[in-house]
């Protein structure tokens, strides 16, 4: 039995642990798409002035704030990616601890979420993701699900097999709204889901089951509407990376169990 003081200490630890992991995830996000090695014998250096970054200038979250988002040596602005990824990782690790406690499930679910964070940010930047990360996510989902292997497999095949129907529904849901708001009929022919979305959808089915999974996918579609309209209007980019919003829908349903509230009202 964990005492209240010990639990509070573990909550703080989980947040700090997540922030440090987030620092490593930032490296993965930047290097994996470029096929660069993530391990190096040399210490980190500023990409602008090439000055070695000392440990006290590389503390997750704190260094970014204290340095006011600028290199301590040359003053060049530091990408906000590092701070955002570290903060998201820290918060989600804390949420996972609050839900699962300090357990094997905590570490497995944290690992799944960390890979999803990497996938989401890579998709944001490149609108394409490494296939091996998608495979890792799908495999990990079977270790964190509360369903039996048989039921989890059934949900995986059900969701991935129904992706054609889901693609039609989500495409109609997103693109018709966008085309009406932006008065651009050509947007109606734009497909919402890509091949990389299929393993994520299967993962959602494995972890959340049929009801929660469907709700998570529609939440993802809902979350994607405003950013996709913004991208069309401001950036003139009709492509919207959907994995980040599927992940957001998945996490929303996983942590808040919205299907429970729906069942209460219906």
Foldseek 3Di string as FASTA:
>chain_A
DADPVRLVVVLVVLLQVQLVVLLLLLLCLVDVVVVDDSDDPDADADPPPRHHDDPVCSRGQPNCVVLVQADPPPRHGHDCSSNVSSNVSSVVLSLLCVVPNPDPLSVLVSVLVSLLSSQLSSCVVPVDDDPVSLVVNLVSLLVNAPDDPVQLVVQLCVQLVCVVVVQVVLLCVQQVVLCVVVVPPVSSPDTQDDPSCSSLLSSLCNRPNDPLSVQLLVQLSVVQRVVQSCCCPPVVDNDDNSSNSSSVSSVCCVSPVVVVVVVVVD
